[in-house]
Amino acid sequence: MRIDIKHYLKVNHLTIYQVSKRSGYGYTTLHKSFNKPQSSSTSLNLRDLDALAQAQEKTMWEVLKELEEHYLE
């Protein structure tokens, strides 16, 4: 399974830059993580989930639920 993080960002009107600024995580780190090819062993990590949650003032669990319900390929 793969999470379509690019589509999630688009639907939520977010850029990697905005997520970086709002969450405090480095842009380069997030950019590399969000753009890396995912496999069954390399999926979204907790830092990325936390960054998405902070950028939207949500809990990590809310973001995870959205990703699981709508963005798994």
PDB file of N, CA and C in Angstrom:
ATOM      1  N   MET A   1       0.844  -1.186   0.000  1.00  0.00           N
ATOM      2  CA  MET A   1       0.000   0.000   0.000  1.00  0.00           C
ATOM      3  C   MET A   1       0.886   1.247   0.000  1.00  0.00           C
ATOM      4  N   ARG A   2       0.371   2.275  -0.601  1.00  0.00           N
ATOM      5  CA  ARG A   2       1.091   3.529  -0.713  1.00  0.00           C
ATOM      6  C   ARG A   2       0.133   4.657  -0.354  1.00  0.00           C
ATOM      7  N   ILE A   3       0.647   5.659   0.345  1.00  0.00           N
ATOM      8  CA  ILE A   3      -0.159   6.827   0.703  1.00  0.00           C
ATOM      9  C   ILE A   3       0.118   7.910  -0.333  1.00  0.00           C
ATOM     10  N   ASP A   4      -0.936   8.429  -0.931  1.00  0.00           N
ATOM     11  CA  ASP A   4      -0.784   9.487  -1.930  1.00  0.00           C
ATOM     12  C   ASP A   4      -0.712  10.834  -1.207  1.00  0.00           C
ATOM     13  N   ILE A   5       0.454  11.123  -0.680  1.00  0.00           N
ATOM     14  CA  ILE A   5       0.656  12.335   0.119  1.00  0.00           C
ATOM     15  C   ILE A   5       0.506  13.595  -0.726  1.00  0.00           C
ATOM     16  N   LYS A   6       0.914  13.523  -1.997  1.00  0.00           N
ATOM     17  CA  LYS A   6       0.776  14.698  -2.877  1.00  0.00           C
ATOM     18  C   LYS A   6      -0.698  15.076  -3.059  1.00  0.00           C
ATOM     19  N   HIS A   7      -1.544  14.078  -3.232  1.00  0.00           N
ATOM     20  CA  HIS A   7      -2.969  14.352  -3.381  1.00  0.00           C
ATOM     21  C   HIS A   7      -3.543  14.899  -2.074  1.00  0.00           C
ATOM     22  N   TYR A   8      -3.110  14.344  -0.942  1.00  0.00           N
ATOM     23  CA  TYR A   8      -3.554  14.839   0.362  1.00  0.00           C
ATOM     24  C   TYR A   8      -3.205  16.318   0.512  1.00  0.00           C
ATOM     25  N   LEU A   9      -1.988  16.690   0.161  1.00  0.00           N
ATOM     26  CA  LEU A   9      -1.564  18.093   0.266  1.00  0.00           C
ATOM     27  C   LEU A   9      -2.430  18.973  -0.641  1.00  0.00           C
ATOM     28  N   LYS A  10      -2.659  18.510  -1.859  1.00  0.00           N
ATOM     29  CA  LYS A  10      -3.449  19.296  -2.814  1.00  0.00           C
ATOM     30  C   LYS A  10      -4.878  19.511  -2.322  1.00  0.00           C
ATOM     31  N   VAL A  11      -5.510  18.449  -1.868  1.00  0.00           N
ATOM     32  CA  VAL A  11      -6.897  18.534  -1.391  1.00  0.00           C
ATOM     33  C   VAL A  11      -7.011  19.462  -0.180  1.00  0.00           C
ATOM     34  N   ASN A  12      -5.994  19.458   0.657  1.00  0.00           N
ATOM     35  CA  ASN A  12      -6.010  20.281   1.868  1.00  0.00           C
ATOM     36  C   ASN A  12      -5.362  21.650   1.657  1.00  0.00           C
ATOM     37  N   HIS A  13      -5.101  21.986   0.390  1.00  0.00           N
ATOM     38  CA  HIS A  13      -4.539  23.293   0.016  1.00  0.00           C
ATOM     39  C   HIS A  13      -3.265  23.596   0.804  1.00  0.00           C
ATOM     40  N   LEU A  14      -2.372  22.618   0.839  1.00  0.00           N
ATOM     41  CA  LEU A  14      -1.106  22.765   1.538  1.00  0.00           C
ATOM     42  C   LEU A  14       0.059  22.547   0.584  1.00  0.00           C
ATOM     43  N   THR A  15       1.137  23.258   0.846  1.00  0.00           N
ATOM     44  CA  THR A  15       2.393  22.996   0.148  1.00  0.00           C
ATOM     45  C   THR A  15       3.367  22.442   1.183  1.00  0.00           C
ATOM     46  N   ILE A  16       4.426  21.841   0.692  1.00  0.00           N
ATOM     47  CA  ILE A  16       5.446  21.344   1.619  1.00  0.00           C
ATOM     48  C   ILE A  16       6.034  22.517   2.397  1.00  0.00           C
ATOM     49  N   TYR A  17       6.198  23.652   1.735  1.00  0.00           N
ATOM     50  CA  TYR A  17       6.720  24.855   2.397  1.00  0.00           C
ATOM     51  C   TYR A  17       5.806  25.270   3.557  1.00  0.00           C
ATOM     52  N   GLN A  18       4.503  25.289   3.326  1.00  0.00           N
ATOM     53  CA  GLN A  18       3.571  25.667   4.391  1.00  0.00           C
ATOM     54  C   GLN A  18       3.635  24.675   5.549  1.00  0.00           C
ATOM     55  N   VAL A  19       3.687  23.389   5.232  1.00  0.00           N
ATOM     56  CA  VAL A  19       3.779  22.370   6.279  1.00  0.00           C
ATOM     57  C   VAL A  19       5.056  22.581   7.082  1.00  0.00           C
ATOM     58  N   SER A  20       6.146  22.878   6.409  1.00  0.00           N
ATOM     59  CA  SER A  20       7.424  23.125   7.080  1.00  0.00           C
ATOM     60  C   SER A  20       7.338  24.321   8.025  1.00  0.00           C
ATOM     61  N   LYS A  21       6.821  25.415   7.536  1.00  0.00           N
ATOM     62  CA  LYS A  21       6.737  26.640   8.347  1.00  0.00           C
ATOM     63  C   LYS A  21       5.805  26.467   9.541  1.00  0.00           C
ATOM     64  N   ARG A  22       4.670  25.847   9.323  1.00  0.00           N
ATOM     65  CA  ARG A  22       3.682  25.695  10.395  1.00  0.00           C
ATOM     66  C   ARG A  22       4.088  24.660  11.429  1.00  0.00           C
ATOM     67  N   SER A  23       4.844  23.661  11.003  1.00  0.00           N
ATOM     68  CA  SER A  23       5.192  22.570  11.917  1.00  0.00           C
ATOM     69  C   SER A  23       6.552  22.758  12.584  1.00  0.00           C
ATOM     70  N   GLY A  24       7.430  23.530  11.945  1.00  0.00           N
ATOM     71  CA  GLY A  24       8.765  23.706  12.492  1.00  0.00           C
ATOM     72  C   GLY A  24       9.777  22.677  12.000  1.00  0.00           C
ATOM     73  N   TYR A  25       9.338  21.746  11.177  1.00  0.00           N
ATOM     74  CA  TYR A  25      10.259  20.770  10.595  1.00  0.00           C
ATOM     75  C   TYR A  25      10.912  21.380   9.355  1.00  0.00           C
ATOM     76  N   GLY A  26      12.126  20.974   9.070  1.00  0.00           N
ATOM     77  CA  GLY A  26      12.867  21.519   7.949  1.00  0.00           C
ATOM     78  C   GLY A  26      12.234  21.206   6.602  1.00  0.00           C
ATOM     79  N   TYR A  27      12.251  22.192   5.724  1.00  0.00           N
ATOM     80  CA  TYR A  27      11.667  22.035   4.388  1.00  0.00           C
ATOM     81  C   TYR A  27      12.349  20.902   3.628  1.00  0.00           C
ATOM     82  N   THR A  28      13.679  20.887   3.626  1.00  0.00           N
ATOM     83  CA  THR A  28      14.413  19.876   2.866  1.00  0.00           C
ATOM     84  C   THR A  28      14.080  18.475   3.355  1.00  0.00           C
ATOM     85  N   THR A  29      13.992  18.307   4.653  1.00  0.00           N
ATOM     86  CA  THR A  29      13.662  17.006   5.232  1.00  0.00           C
ATOM     87  C   THR A  29      12.286  16.545   4.779  1.00  0.00           C
ATOM     88  N   LEU A  30      11.301  17.437   4.884  1.00  0.00           N
ATOM     89  CA  LEU A  30       9.941  17.086   4.475  1.00  0.00           C
ATOM     90  C   LEU A  30       9.851  16.868   2.972  1.00  0.00           C
ATOM     91  N   HIS A  31      10.521  17.699   2.209  1.00  0.00           N
ATOM     92  CA  HIS A  31      10.488  17.568   0.757  1.00  0.00           C
ATOM     93  C   HIS A  31      11.026  16.200   0.326  1.00  0.00           C
ATOM     94  N   LYS A  32      12.156  15.807   0.886  1.00  0.00           N
ATOM     95  CA  LYS A  32      12.732  14.497   0.556  1.00  0.00           C
ATOM     96  C   LYS A  32      11.785  13.376   0.957  1.00  0.00           C
ATOM     97  N   SER A  33      11.193  13.493   2.119  1.00  0.00           N
ATOM     98  CA  SER A  33      10.312  12.449   2.628  1.00  0.00           C
ATOM     99  C   SER A  33       9.023  12.350   1.812  1.00  0.00           C
ATOM    100  N   PHE A  34       8.412  13.476   1.489  1.00  0.00           N
ATOM    101  CA  PHE A  34       7.157  13.474   0.755  1.00  0.00           C
ATOM    102  C   PHE A  34       7.340  13.087  -0.719  1.00  0.00           C
ATOM    103  N   ASN A  35       8.547  13.219  -1.228  1.00  0.00           N
ATOM    104  CA  ASN A  35       8.810  12.914  -2.633  1.00  0.00           C
ATOM    105  C   ASN A  35       9.510  11.579  -2.860  1.00  0.00           C
ATOM    106  N   LYS A  36       9.879  10.884  -1.797  1.00  0.00           N
ATOM    107  CA  LYS A  36      10.568   9.601  -1.977  1.00  0.00           C
ATOM    108  C   LYS A  36       9.570   8.537  -2.422  1.00  0.00           C
ATOM    109  N   PRO A  37      10.043   7.596  -3.224  1.00  0.00           N
ATOM    110  CA  PRO A  37       9.156   6.486  -3.609  1.00  0.00           C
ATOM    111  C   PRO A  37       8.823   5.646  -2.378  1.00  0.00           C
ATOM    112  N   GLN A  38       7.579   5.319  -2.208  1.00  0.00           N
ATOM    113  CA  GLN A  38       7.155   4.512  -1.061  1.00  0.00           C
ATOM    114  C   GLN A  38       7.072   3.055  -1.465  1.00  0.00           C
ATOM    115  N   SER A  39       7.408   2.218  -0.512  1.00  0.00           N
ATOM    116  CA  SER A  39       7.215   0.783  -0.689  1.00  0.00           C
ATOM    117  C   SER A  39       6.549   0.267   0.578  1.00  0.00           C
ATOM    118  N   SER A  40       6.346  -1.017   0.658  1.00  0.00           N
ATOM    119  CA  SER A  40       5.708  -1.565   1.854  1.00  0.00           C
ATOM    120  C   SER A  40       6.577  -1.372   3.088  1.00  0.00           C
ATOM    121  N   SER A  41       7.889  -1.206   2.888  1.00  0.00           N
ATOM    122  CA  SER A  41       8.767  -1.026   4.042  1.00  0.00           C
ATOM    123  C   SER A  41       9.091   0.436   4.333  1.00  0.00           C
ATOM    124  N   THR A  42       8.822   1.326   3.397  1.00  0.00           N
ATOM    125  CA  THR A  42       9.072   2.749   3.623  1.00  0.00           C
ATOM    126  C   THR A  42       7.800   3.538   3.331  1.00  0.00           C
ATOM    127  N   SER A  43       7.062   3.807   4.348  1.00  0.00           N
ATOM    128  CA  SER A  43       5.834   4.572   4.199  1.00  0.00           C
ATOM    129  C   SER A  43       5.993   5.889   4.949  1.00  0.00           C
ATOM    130  N   LEU A  44       4.927   6.541   5.226  1.00  0.00           N
ATOM    131  CA  LEU A  44       4.936   7.781   5.985  1.00  0.00           C
ATOM    132  C   LEU A  44       5.439   7.517   7.393  1.00  0.00           C
ATOM    133  N   ASN A  45       6.330   8.363   7.893  1.00  0.00           N
ATOM    134  CA  ASN A  45       6.826   8.158   9.252  1.00  0.00           C
ATOM    135  C   ASN A  45       6.132   9.103  10.232  1.00  0.00           C
ATOM    136  N   LEU A  46       6.400   8.928  11.503  1.00  0.00           N
ATOM    137  CA  LEU A  46       5.728   9.720  12.539  1.00  0.00           C
ATOM    138  C   LEU A  46       6.047  11.210  12.427  1.00  0.00           C
ATOM    139  N   ARG A  47       7.264  11.544  12.034  1.00  0.00           N
ATOM    140  CA  ARG A  47       7.627  12.957  11.878  1.00  0.00           C
ATOM    141  C   ARG A  47       6.740  13.603  10.822  1.00  0.00           C
ATOM    142  N   ASP A  48       6.551  12.909   9.704  1.00  0.00           N
ATOM    143  CA  ASP A  48       5.728  13.454   8.626  1.00  0.00           C
ATOM    144  C   ASP A  48       4.274  13.599   9.065  1.00  0.00           C
ATOM    145  N   LEU A  49       3.793  12.607   9.755  1.00  0.00           N
ATOM    146  CA  LEU A  49       2.429  12.642  10.277  1.00  0.00           C
ATOM    147  C   LEU A  49       2.259  13.802  11.261  1.00  0.00           C
ATOM    148  N   ASP A  50       3.241  13.988  12.137  1.00  0.00           N
ATOM    149  CA  ASP A  50       3.207  15.089  13.099  1.00  0.00           C
ATOM    150  C   ASP A  50       3.240  16.435  12.385  1.00  0.00           C
ATOM    151  N   ALA A  51       4.065  16.546  11.361  1.00  0.00           N
ATOM    152  CA  ALA A  51       4.160  17.800  10.609  1.00  0.00           C
ATOM    153  C   ALA A  51       2.821  18.140   9.954  1.00  0.00           C
ATOM    154  N   LEU A  52       2.182  17.156   9.332  1.00  0.00           N
ATOM    155  CA  LEU A  52       0.879  17.382   8.705  1.00  0.00           C
ATOM    156  C   LEU A  52      -0.172  17.791   9.735  1.00  0.00           C
ATOM    157  N   ALA A  53      -0.133  17.147  10.885  1.00  0.00           N
ATOM    158  CA  ALA A  53      -1.095  17.457  11.943  1.00  0.00           C
ATOM    159  C   ALA A  53      -0.885  18.878  12.468  1.00  0.00           C
ATOM    160  N   GLN A  54       0.357  19.221  12.772  1.00  0.00           N
ATOM    161  CA  GLN A  54       0.639  20.568  13.289  1.00  0.00           C
ATOM    162  C   GLN A  54       0.272  21.644  12.276  1.00  0.00           C
ATOM    163  N   ALA A  55       0.521  21.385  11.008  1.00  0.00           N
ATOM    164  CA  ALA A  55       0.234  22.370   9.969  1.00  0.00           C
ATOM    165  C   ALA A  55      -1.257  22.667   9.860  1.00  0.00           C
ATOM    166  N   GLN A  56      -2.079  21.720  10.297  1.00  0.00           N
ATOM    167  CA  GLN A  56      -3.530  21.884  10.185  1.00  0.00           C
ATOM    168  C   GLN A  56      -4.209  22.005  11.536  1.00  0.00           C
ATOM    169  N   GLU A  57      -3.434  22.074  12.593  1.00  0.00           N
ATOM    170  CA  GLU A  57      -3.960  22.143  13.959  1.00  0.00           C
ATOM    171  C   GLU A  57      -4.922  20.984  14.229  1.00  0.00           C
ATOM    172  N   LYS A  58      -4.465  19.790  13.857  1.00  0.00           N
ATOM    173  CA  LYS A  58      -5.202  18.558  14.106  1.00  0.00           C
ATOM    174  C   LYS A  58      -4.327  17.629  14.926  1.00  0.00           C
ATOM    175  N   THR A  59      -4.922  16.543  15.397  1.00  0.00           N
ATOM    176  CA  THR A  59      -4.116  15.529  16.062  1.00  0.00           C
ATOM    177  C   THR A  59      -3.555  14.588  14.991  1.00  0.00           C
ATOM    178  N   MET A  60      -2.493  13.903  15.351  1.00  0.00           N
ATOM    179  CA  MET A  60      -1.908  12.945  14.414  1.00  0.00           C
ATOM    180  C   MET A  60      -2.922  11.867  14.062  1.00  0.00           C
ATOM    181  N   TRP A  61      -3.758  11.488  15.022  1.00  0.00           N
ATOM    182  CA  TRP A  61      -4.742  10.433  14.784  1.00  0.00           C
ATOM    183  C   TRP A  61      -5.789  10.860  13.765  1.00  0.00           C
ATOM    184  N   GLU A  62      -6.165  12.134  13.789  1.00  0.00           N
ATOM    185  CA  GLU A  62      -7.131  12.629  12.804  1.00  0.00           C
ATOM    186  C   GLU A  62      -6.547  12.556  11.392  1.00  0.00           C
ATOM    187  N   VAL A  63      -5.303  12.975  11.266  1.00  0.00           N
ATOM    188  CA  VAL A  63      -4.642  12.946   9.967  1.00  0.00           C
ATOM    189  C   VAL A  63      -4.468  11.503   9.502  1.00  0.00           C
ATOM    190  N   LEU A  64      -4.042  10.638  10.399  1.00  0.00           N
ATOM    191  CA  LEU A  64      -3.856   9.228  10.048  1.00  0.00           C
ATOM    192  C   LEU A  64      -5.163   8.601   9.566  1.00  0.00           C
ATOM    193  N   LYS A  65      -6.249   8.914  10.242  1.00  0.00           N
ATOM    194  CA  LYS A  65      -7.551   8.374   9.844  1.00  0.00           C
ATOM    195  C   LYS A  65      -7.929   8.863   8.444  1.00  0.00           C
ATOM    196  N   GLU A  66      -7.719  10.155   8.166  1.00  0.00           N
ATOM    197  CA  GLU A  66      -8.002  10.700   6.835  1.00  0.00           C
ATOM    198  C   GLU A  66      -7.165   9.999   5.773  1.00  0.00           C
ATOM    199  N   LEU A  67      -5.890   9.831   6.063  1.00  0.00           N
ATOM    200  CA  LEU A  67      -4.994   9.182   5.110  1.00  0.00           C
ATOM    201  C   LEU A  67      -5.420   7.744   4.837  1.00  0.00           C
ATOM    202  N   GLU A  68      -5.789   7.031   5.888  1.00  0.00           N
ATOM    203  CA  GLU A  68      -6.201   5.631   5.734  1.00  0.00           C
ATOM    204  C   GLU A  68      -7.509   5.517   4.958  1.00  0.00           C
ATOM    205  N   GLU A  69      -8.427   6.418   5.212  1.00  0.00           N
ATOM    206  CA  GLU A  69      -9.755   6.322   4.596  1.00  0.00           C
ATOM    207  C   GLU A  69      -9.795   6.815   3.147  1.00  0.00           C
ATOM    208  N   HIS A  70      -8.923   7.762   2.797  1.00  0.00           N
ATOM    209  CA  HIS A  70      -9.078   8.413   1.497  1.00  0.00           C
ATOM    210  C   HIS A  70      -7.843   8.421   0.603  1.00  0.00           C
ATOM    211  N   TYR A  71      -6.668   8.136   1.142  1.00  0.00           N
ATOM    212  CA  TYR A  71      -5.446   8.340   0.358  1.00  0.00           C
ATOM    213  C   TYR A  71      -4.553   7.120   0.221  1.00  0.00           C
ATOM    214  N   LEU A  72      -5.049   5.949   0.532  1.00  0.00           N
ATOM    215  CA  LEU A  72      -4.274   4.720   0.330  1.00  0.00           C
ATOM    216  C   LEU A  72      -4.484   4.234  -1.093  1.00  0.00           C
ATOM    217  N   GLU A  73      -3.396   3.871  -1.727  1.00  0.00           N
ATOM    218  CA  GLU A  73      -3.478   3.343  -3.101  1.00  0.00           C
ATOM    219  C   GLU A  73      -3.187   1.862  -3.092  1.00  0.00           C
TER     220      GLU A  73
END
